[in-house]
PDB file of N, CA and C in Angstrom:
ATOM      1  N   MET A   1     101.852  57.629 156.986  1.00  0.00           N
ATOM      2  CA  MET A   1     102.473  58.150 155.775  1.00  0.00           C
ATOM      3  C   MET A   1     103.177  57.004 155.048  1.00  0.00           C
ATOM      4  N   ALA A   2     102.960  56.948 153.752  1.00  0.00           N
ATOM      5  CA  ALA A   2     103.549  55.875 152.942  1.00  0.00           C
ATOM      6  C   ALA A   2     105.051  56.103 152.777  1.00  0.00           C
ATOM      7  N   THR A   3     105.787  55.013 152.912  1.00  0.00           N
ATOM      8  CA  THR A   3     107.239  55.135 152.765  1.00  0.00           C
ATOM      9  C   THR A   3     107.763  54.388 151.547  1.00  0.00           C
ATOM     10  N   HIS A   4     107.015  53.393 151.050  1.00  0.00           N
ATOM     11  CA  HIS A   4     107.441  52.651 149.867  1.00  0.00           C
ATOM     12  C   HIS A   4     106.790  53.249 148.629  1.00  0.00           C
ATOM     13  N   LYS A   5     107.468  53.068 147.513  1.00  0.00           N
ATOM     14  CA  LYS A   5     106.969  53.599 146.260  1.00  0.00           C
ATOM     15  C   LYS A   5     105.581  53.038 145.929  1.00  0.00           C
ATOM     16  N   SER A   6     105.415  51.742 146.154  1.00  0.00           N
ATOM     17  CA  SER A   6     104.123  51.106 145.844  1.00  0.00           C
ATOM     18  C   SER A   6     103.024  51.625 146.775  1.00  0.00           C
ATOM     19  N   ALA A   7     103.365  51.894 148.027  1.00  0.00           N
ATOM     20  CA  ALA A   7     102.382  52.405 148.981  1.00  0.00           C
ATOM     21  C   ALA A   7     101.977  53.838 148.607  1.00  0.00           C
ATOM     22  N   GLU A   8     102.925  54.609 148.106  1.00  0.00           N
ATOM     23  CA  GLU A   8     102.613  55.970 147.659  1.00  0.00           C
ATOM     24  C   GLU A   8     101.656  55.929 146.470  1.00  0.00           C
ATOM     25  N   LYS A   9     101.898  54.974 145.571  1.00  0.00           N
ATOM     26  CA  LYS A   9     101.008  54.831 144.411  1.00  0.00           C
ATOM     27  C   LYS A   9      99.602  54.440 144.864  1.00  0.00           C
ATOM     28  N   ARG A  10      99.521  53.501 145.810  1.00  0.00           N
ATOM     29  CA  ARG A  10      98.219  53.094 146.325  1.00  0.00           C
ATOM     30  C   ARG A  10      97.480  54.286 146.944  1.00  0.00           C
ATOM     31  N   ASP A  11      98.222  55.155 147.634  1.00  0.00           N
ATOM     32  CA  ASP A  11      97.607  56.350 148.214  1.00  0.00           C
ATOM     33  C   ASP A  11      97.035  57.251 147.129  1.00  0.00           C
ATOM     34  N   ARG A  12      97.801  57.431 146.049  1.00  0.00           N
ATOM     35  CA  ARG A  12      97.325  58.258 144.939  1.00  0.00           C
ATOM     36  C   ARG A  12      96.075  57.647 144.302  1.00  0.00           C
ATOM     37  N   GLN A  13      96.105  56.348 144.086  1.00  0.00           N
ATOM     38  CA  GLN A  13      94.964  55.662 143.475  1.00  0.00           C
ATOM     39  C   GLN A  13      93.732  55.725 144.375  1.00  0.00           C
ATOM     40  N   ALA A  14      93.964  55.514 145.665  1.00  0.00           N
ATOM     41  CA  ALA A  14      92.852  55.534 146.612  1.00  0.00           C
ATOM     42  C   ALA A  14      92.184  56.909 146.625  1.00  0.00           C
ATOM     43  N   GLU A  15      92.993  57.959 146.549  1.00  0.00           N
ATOM     44  CA  GLU A  15      92.444  59.319 146.528  1.00  0.00           C
ATOM     45  C   GLU A  15      91.604  59.552 145.271  1.00  0.00           C
ATOM     46  N   LYS A  16      92.098  59.096 144.130  1.00  0.00           N
ATOM     47  CA  LYS A  16      91.339  59.231 142.877  1.00  0.00           C
ATOM     48  C   LYS A  16      90.013  58.478 142.952  1.00  0.00           C
ATOM     49  N   HIS A  17      90.078  57.236 143.452  1.00  0.00           N
ATOM     50  CA  HIS A  17      88.868  56.426 143.556  1.00  0.00           C
ATOM     51  C   HIS A  17      87.860  57.050 144.523  1.00  0.00           C
ATOM     52  N   ARG A  18      88.375  57.586 145.625  1.00  0.00           N
ATOM     53  CA  ARG A  18      87.506  58.202 146.622  1.00  0.00           C
ATOM     54  C   ARG A  18      86.772  59.409 146.014  1.00  0.00           C
ATOM     55  N   GLU A  19      87.522  60.243 145.292  1.00  0.00           N
ATOM     56  CA  GLU A  19      86.910  61.421 144.669  1.00  0.00           C
ATOM     57  C   GLU A  19      85.872  61.008 143.628  1.00  0.00           C
ATOM     58  N   ARG A  20      86.214  60.009 142.806  1.00  0.00           N
ATOM     59  CA  ARG A  20      85.298  59.550 141.764  1.00  0.00           C
ATOM     60  C   ARG A  20      84.029  58.963 142.389  1.00  0.00           C
ATOM     61  N   ASN A  21      84.202  58.135 143.433  1.00  0.00           N
ATOM     62  CA  ASN A  21      83.049  57.516 144.092  1.00  0.00           C
ATOM     63  C   ASN A  21      82.134  58.571 144.716  1.00  0.00           C
ATOM     64  N   ASN A  22      82.737  59.579 145.332  1.00  0.00           N
ATOM     65  CA  ASN A  22      81.931  60.634 145.937  1.00  0.00           C
ATOM     66  C   ASN A  22      81.145  61.406 144.883  1.00  0.00           C
ATOM     67  N   ALA A  23      81.757  61.660 143.733  1.00  0.00           N
ATOM     68  CA  ALA A  23      81.069  62.364 142.654  1.00  0.00           C
ATOM     69  C   ALA A  23      79.915  61.524 142.121  1.00  0.00           C
ATOM     70  N   VAL A  24      80.159  60.239 141.946  1.00  0.00           N
ATOM     71  CA  VAL A  24      79.119  59.338 141.444  1.00  0.00           C
ATOM     72  C   VAL A  24      77.973  59.251 142.443  1.00  0.00           C
ATOM     73  N   LYS A  25      78.283  59.087 143.716  1.00  0.00           N
ATOM     74  CA  LYS A  25      77.245  58.989 144.733  1.00  0.00           C
ATOM     75  C   LYS A  25      76.410  60.268 144.804  1.00  0.00           C
ATOM     76  N   SER A  26      77.069  61.401 144.651  1.00  0.00           N
ATOM     77  CA  SER A  26      76.373  62.673 144.678  1.00  0.00           C
ATOM     78  C   SER A  26      75.399  62.790 143.511  1.00  0.00           C
ATOM     79  N   SER A  27      75.839  62.384 142.321  1.00  0.00           N
ATOM     80  CA  SER A  27      74.949  62.469 141.160  1.00  0.00           C
ATOM     81  C   SER A  27      73.781  61.485 141.295  1.00  0.00           C
ATOM     82  N   ILE A  28      74.038  60.333 141.908  1.00  0.00           N
ATOM     83  CA  ILE A  28      72.960  59.365 142.141  1.00  0.00           C
ATOM     84  C   ILE A  28      71.931  59.964 143.103  1.00  0.00           C
ATOM     85  N   LYS A  29      72.401  60.629 144.154  1.00  0.00           N
ATOM     86  CA  LYS A  29      71.481  61.248 145.114  1.00  0.00           C
ATOM     87  C   LYS A  29      70.615  62.296 144.430  1.00  0.00           C
ATOM     88  N   THR A  30      71.207  63.060 143.505  1.00  0.00           N
ATOM     89  CA  THR A  30      70.459  64.067 142.758  1.00  0.00           C
ATOM     90  C   THR A  30      69.392  63.407 141.899  1.00  0.00           C
ATOM     91  N   GLY A  31      69.747  62.303 141.254  1.00  0.00           N
ATOM     92  CA  GLY A  31      68.783  61.577 140.431  1.00  0.00           C
ATOM     93  C   GLY A  31      67.637  61.017 141.252  1.00  0.00           C
ATOM     94  N   VAL A  32      67.974  60.457 142.395  1.00  0.00           N
ATOM     95  CA  VAL A  32      66.953  59.897 143.291  1.00  0.00           C
ATOM     96  C   VAL A  32      66.019  61.015 143.747  1.00  0.00           C
ATOM     97  N   LYS A  33      66.604  62.154 144.060  1.00  0.00           N
ATOM     98  CA  LYS A  33      65.809  63.291 144.514  1.00  0.00           C
ATOM     99  C   LYS A  33      64.840  63.747 143.427  1.00  0.00           C
ATOM    100  N   SER A  34      65.294  63.745 142.179  1.00  0.00           N
ATOM    101  CA  SER A  34      64.406  64.164 141.091  1.00  0.00           C
ATOM    102  C   SER A  34      63.249  63.183 140.910  1.00  0.00           C
ATOM    103  N   VAL A  35      63.517  61.888 141.086  1.00  0.00           N
ATOM    104  CA  VAL A  35      62.449  60.887 140.987  1.00  0.00           C
ATOM    105  C   VAL A  35      61.448  61.084 142.118  1.00  0.00           C
ATOM    106  N   VAL A  36      61.941  61.261 143.325  1.00  0.00           N
ATOM    107  CA  VAL A  36      61.067  61.425 144.490  1.00  0.00           C
ATOM    108  C   VAL A  36      60.210  62.685 144.352  1.00  0.00           C
ATOM    109  N   GLU A  37      60.811  63.772 143.866  1.00  0.00           N
ATOM    110  CA  GLU A  37      60.049  65.007 143.682  1.00  0.00           C
ATOM    111  C   GLU A  37      58.944  64.822 142.643  1.00  0.00           C
ATOM    112  N   ALA A  38      59.265  64.098 141.566  1.00  0.00           N
ATOM    113  CA  ALA A  38      58.266  63.842 140.528  1.00  0.00           C
ATOM    114  C   ALA A  38      57.120  62.990 141.071  1.00  0.00           C
ATOM    115  N   VAL A  39      57.449  62.026 141.923  1.00  0.00           N
ATOM    116  CA  VAL A  39      56.412  61.177 142.524  1.00  0.00           C
ATOM    117  C   VAL A  39      55.534  62.019 143.459  1.00  0.00           C
ATOM    118  N   GLU A  40      56.156  62.916 144.202  1.00  0.00           N
ATOM    119  CA  GLU A  40      55.390  63.739 145.138  1.00  0.00           C
ATOM    120  C   GLU A  40      54.464  64.722 144.432  1.00  0.00           C
ATOM    121  N   THR A  41      54.856  65.142 143.217  1.00  0.00           N
ATOM    122  CA  THR A  41      53.980  66.032 142.439  1.00  0.00           C
ATOM    123  C   THR A  41      52.937  65.237 141.667  1.00  0.00           C
ATOM    124  N   LYS A  42      52.994  63.914 141.787  1.00  0.00           N
ATOM    125  CA  LYS A  42      52.052  62.992 141.151  1.00  0.00           C
ATOM    126  C   LYS A  42      52.042  63.128 139.625  1.00  0.00           C
ATOM    127  N   ASP A  43      53.234  63.293 139.051  1.00  0.00           N
ATOM    128  CA  ASP A  43      53.374  63.392 137.594  1.00  0.00           C
ATOM    129  C   ASP A  43      54.040  62.118 137.077  1.00  0.00           C
ATOM    130  N   PRO A  44      53.258  61.144 136.587  1.00  0.00           N
ATOM    131  CA  PRO A  44      53.845  59.856 136.198  1.00  0.00           C
ATOM    132  C   PRO A  44      54.801  59.940 135.008  1.00  0.00           C
ATOM    133  N   VAL A  45      54.557  60.872 134.095  1.00  0.00           N
ATOM    134  CA  VAL A  45      55.423  60.994 132.905  1.00  0.00           C
ATOM    135  C   VAL A  45      56.815  61.458 133.316  1.00  0.00           C
ATOM    136  N   VAL A  46      56.871  62.488 134.121  1.00  0.00           N
ATOM    137  CA  VAL A  46      58.153  63.017 134.584  1.00  0.00           C
ATOM    138  C   VAL A  46      58.851  62.000 135.488  1.00  0.00           C
ATOM    139  N   ALA A  47      58.070  61.335 136.324  1.00  0.00           N
ATOM    140  CA  ALA A  47      58.647  60.345 137.242  1.00  0.00           C
ATOM    141  C   ALA A  47      59.274  59.192 136.466  1.00  0.00           C
ATOM    142  N   LYS A  48      58.582  58.705 135.436  1.00  0.00           N
ATOM    143  CA  LYS A  48      59.126  57.602 134.638  1.00  0.00           C
ATOM    144  C   LYS A  48      60.376  58.031 133.885  1.00  0.00           C
ATOM    145  N   ALA A  49      60.381  59.266 133.388  1.00  0.00           N
ATOM    146  CA  ALA A  49      61.555  59.776 132.669  1.00  0.00           C
ATOM    147  C   ALA A  49      62.751  59.883 133.617  1.00  0.00           C
ATOM    148  N   ALA A  50      62.513  60.402 134.809  1.00  0.00           N
ATOM    149  CA  ALA A  50      63.592  60.531 135.797  1.00  0.00           C
ATOM    150  C   ALA A  50      64.087  59.153 136.225  1.00  0.00           C
ATOM    151  N   LEU A  51      63.165  58.216 136.389  1.00  0.00           N
ATOM    152  CA  LEU A  51      63.528  56.849 136.770  1.00  0.00           C
ATOM    153  C   LEU A  51      64.365  56.197 135.675  1.00  0.00           C
ATOM    154  N   ALA A  52      63.992  56.424 134.425  1.00  0.00           N
ATOM    155  CA  ALA A  52      64.715  55.837 133.293  1.00  0.00           C
ATOM    156  C   ALA A  52      66.146  56.351 133.206  1.00  0.00           C
ATOM    157  N   LYS A  53      66.383  57.565 133.702  1.00  0.00           N
ATOM    158  CA  LYS A  53      67.748  58.097 133.714  1.00  0.00           C
ATOM    159  C   LYS A  53      68.528  57.633 134.939  1.00  0.00           C
ATOM    160  N   THR A  54      67.830  57.480 136.059  1.00  0.00           N
ATOM    161  CA  THR A  54      68.492  57.185 137.325  1.00  0.00           C
ATOM    162  C   THR A  54      68.872  55.710 137.467  1.00  0.00           C
ATOM    163  N   VAL A  55      68.013  54.803 137.019  1.00  0.00           N
ATOM    164  CA  VAL A  55      68.261  53.369 137.195  1.00  0.00           C
ATOM    165  C   VAL A  55      69.573  52.921 136.528  1.00  0.00           C
ATOM    166  N   PRO A  56      69.827  53.280 135.258  1.00  0.00           N
ATOM    167  CA  PRO A  56      71.101  52.861 134.670  1.00  0.00           C
ATOM    168  C   PRO A  56      72.313  53.477 135.373  1.00  0.00           C
ATOM    169  N   ALA A  57      72.142  54.692 135.879  1.00  0.00           N
ATOM    170  CA  ALA A  57      73.247  55.341 136.593  1.00  0.00           C
ATOM    171  C   ALA A  57      73.572  54.585 137.880  1.00  0.00           C
ATOM    172  N   ILE A  58      72.539  54.138 138.585  1.00  0.00           N
ATOM    173  CA  ILE A  58      72.744  53.365 139.812  1.00  0.00           C
ATOM    174  C   ILE A  58      73.408  52.033 139.482  1.00  0.00           C
ATOM    175  N   ALA A  59      72.926  51.376 138.415  1.00  0.00           N
ATOM    176  CA  ALA A  59      73.501  50.089 138.018  1.00  0.00           C
ATOM    177  C   ALA A  59      74.963  50.238 137.626  1.00  0.00           C
ATOM    178  N   LYS A  60      75.288  51.310 136.927  1.00  0.00           N
ATOM    179  CA  LYS A  60      76.672  51.543 136.514  1.00  0.00           C
ATOM    180  C   LYS A  60      77.558  51.829 137.728  1.00  0.00           C
ATOM    181  N   ALA A  61      77.023  52.582 138.686  1.00  0.00           N
ATOM    182  CA  ALA A  61      77.775  52.874 139.905  1.00  0.00           C
ATOM    183  C   ALA A  61      78.100  51.589 140.653  1.00  0.00           C
ATOM    184  N   ALA A  62      77.151  50.652 140.665  1.00  0.00           N
ATOM    185  CA  ALA A  62      77.381  49.371 141.328  1.00  0.00           C
ATOM    186  C   ALA A  62      78.428  48.566 140.566  1.00  0.00           C
ATOM    187  N   ALA A  63      78.363  48.609 139.252  1.00  0.00           N
ATOM    188  CA  ALA A  63      79.327  47.868 138.434  1.00  0.00           C
ATOM    189  C   ALA A  63      80.740  48.409 138.620  1.00  0.00           C
ATOM    190  N   LYS A  64      80.854  49.714 138.839  1.00  0.00           N
ATOM    191  CA  LYS A  64      82.166  50.340 139.026  1.00  0.00           C
ATOM    192  C   LYS A  64      82.664  50.240 140.461  1.00  0.00           C
ATOM    193  N   GLY A  65      81.767  49.846 141.372  1.00  0.00           N
ATOM    194  CA  GLY A  65      82.201  49.650 142.754  1.00  0.00           C
ATOM    195  C   GLY A  65      81.898  50.794 143.692  1.00  0.00           C
ATOM    196  N   ALA A  66      81.158  51.795 143.239  1.00  0.00           N
ATOM    197  CA  ALA A  66      80.811  52.903 144.127  1.00  0.00           C
ATOM    198  C   ALA A  66      79.780  52.459 145.160  1.00  0.00           C
ATOM    199  N   PHE A  67      78.900  51.529 144.753  1.00  0.00           N
ATOM    200  CA  PHE A  67      77.917  50.935 145.644  1.00  0.00           C
ATOM    201  C   PHE A  67      78.091  49.429 145.605  1.00  0.00           C
ATOM    202  N   HIS A  68      77.655  48.777 146.658  1.00  0.00           N
ATOM    203  CA  HIS A  68      77.556  47.318 146.623  1.00  0.00           C
ATOM    204  C   HIS A  68      76.371  46.981 145.722  1.00  0.00           C
ATOM    205  N   LYS A  69      76.434  45.846 145.051  1.00  0.00           N
ATOM    206  CA  LYS A  69      75.372  45.532 144.080  1.00  0.00           C
ATOM    207  C   LYS A  69      74.017  45.351 144.751  1.00  0.00           C
ATOM    208  N   LYS A  70      73.994  44.866 145.974  1.00  0.00           N
ATOM    209  CA  LYS A  70      72.703  44.718 146.659  1.00  0.00           C
ATOM    210  C   LYS A  70      72.152  46.074 147.100  1.00  0.00           C
ATOM    211  N   THR A  71      73.031  47.003 147.426  1.00  0.00           N
ATOM    212  CA  THR A  71      72.593  48.359 147.754  1.00  0.00           C
ATOM    213  C   THR A  71      71.958  48.990 146.527  1.00  0.00           C
ATOM    214  N   ALA A  72      72.610  48.827 145.385  1.00  0.00           N
ATOM    215  CA  ALA A  72      72.074  49.378 144.141  1.00  0.00           C
ATOM    216  C   ALA A  72      70.731  48.746 143.808  1.00  0.00           C
ATOM    217  N   SER A  73      70.647  47.438 143.972  1.00  0.00           N
ATOM    218  CA  SER A  73      69.410  46.723 143.696  1.00  0.00           C
ATOM    219  C   SER A  73      68.283  47.222 144.595  1.00  0.00           C
ATOM    220  N   ARG A  74      68.592  47.445 145.850  1.00  0.00           N
ATOM    221  CA  ARG A  74      67.601  47.933 146.813  1.00  0.00           C
ATOM    222  C   ARG A  74      67.123  49.338 146.428  1.00  0.00           C
ATOM    223  N   LYS A  75      68.066  50.205 146.050  1.00  0.00           N
ATOM    224  CA  LYS A  75      67.698  51.562 145.651  1.00  0.00           C
ATOM    225  C   LYS A  75      66.803  51.555 144.421  1.00  0.00           C
ATOM    226  N   ILE A  76      67.174  50.742 143.426  1.00  0.00           N
ATOM    227  CA  ILE A  76      66.392  50.649 142.199  1.00  0.00           C
ATOM    228  C   ILE A  76      64.993  50.123 142.508  1.00  0.00           C
ATOM    229  N   SER A  77      64.918  49.095 143.336  1.00  0.00           N
ATOM    230  CA  SER A  77      63.642  48.490 143.685  1.00  0.00           C
ATOM    231  C   SER A  77      62.729  49.494 144.382  1.00  0.00           C
ATOM    232  N   ARG A  78      63.252  50.219 145.327  1.00  0.00           N
ATOM    233  CA  ARG A  78      62.437  51.169 146.088  1.00  0.00           C
ATOM    234  C   ARG A  78      61.951  52.314 145.213  1.00  0.00           C
ATOM    235  N   LEU A  79      62.844  52.801 144.335  1.00  0.00           N
ATOM    236  CA  LEU A  79      62.442  53.881 143.437  1.00  0.00           C
ATOM    237  C   LEU A  79      61.351  53.414 142.474  1.00  0.00           C
ATOM    238  N   THR A  80      61.554  52.227 141.913  1.00  0.00           N
ATOM    239  CA  THR A  80      60.587  51.687 140.964  1.00  0.00           C
ATOM    240  C   THR A  80      59.229  51.485 141.629  1.00  0.00           C
ATOM    241  N   LYS A  81      59.263  50.999 142.852  1.00  0.00           N
ATOM    242  CA  LYS A  81      58.027  50.779 143.591  1.00  0.00           C
ATOM    243  C   LYS A  81      57.283  52.101 143.819  1.00  0.00           C
ATOM    244  N   ARG A  82      58.022  53.157 144.110  1.00  0.00           N
ATOM    245  CA  ARG A  82      57.402  54.462 144.338  1.00  0.00           C
ATOM    246  C   ARG A  82      56.772  54.994 143.055  1.00  0.00           C
ATOM    247  N   VAL A  83      57.482  54.822 141.941  1.00  0.00           N
ATOM    248  CA  VAL A  83      56.944  55.302 140.671  1.00  0.00           C
ATOM    249  C   VAL A  83      55.706  54.503 140.274  1.00  0.00           C
ATOM    250  N   ASN A  84      55.730  53.201 140.539  1.00  0.00           N
ATOM    251  CA  ASN A  84      54.602  52.350 140.176  1.00  0.00           C
ATOM    252  C   ASN A  84      53.357  52.639 141.009  1.00  0.00           C
ATOM    253  N   THR A  85      53.499  53.284 142.152  1.00  0.00           N
ATOM    254  CA  THR A  85      52.322  53.621 142.954  1.00  0.00           C
ATOM    255  C   THR A  85      51.476  54.696 142.271  1.00  0.00           C
ATOM    256  N   LEU A  86      52.066  55.435 141.334  1.00  0.00           N
ATOM    257  CA  LEU A  86      51.317  56.480 140.643  1.00  0.00           C
ATOM    258  C   LEU A  86      50.243  55.903 139.720  1.00  0.00           C
ATOM    259  N   LYS A  87      50.458  54.681 139.237  1.00  0.00           N
ATOM    260  CA  LYS A  87      49.482  54.054 138.348  1.00  0.00           C
ATOM    261  C   LYS A  87      48.211  53.689 139.095  1.00  0.00           C
ATOM    262  N   ALA A  88      48.368  53.204 140.320  1.00  0.00           N
ATOM    263  CA  ALA A  88      47.217  52.670 141.072  1.00  0.00           C
ATOM    264  C   ALA A  88      46.266  53.749 141.534  1.00  0.00           C
TER     265      ALA A  88
END
């Protein structure tokens, strides 16, 4: 339990950041799921549209600190690779 004023503030900030990060991660998972579902239905138009919405969201999450930048890069790369398999 925090006893100093500054420690109490850090606790409040940490709670806000934790809630925000969890919300962002949840929305990213939903976006990834929509891309994967579109790829599984073999619909390249829908898959590209879902990818176009999800990639900037992942990049923004990394910029805000919800993900490490290499984690975000890996997620974007894997999703893009899956969507690109529909062309072949």
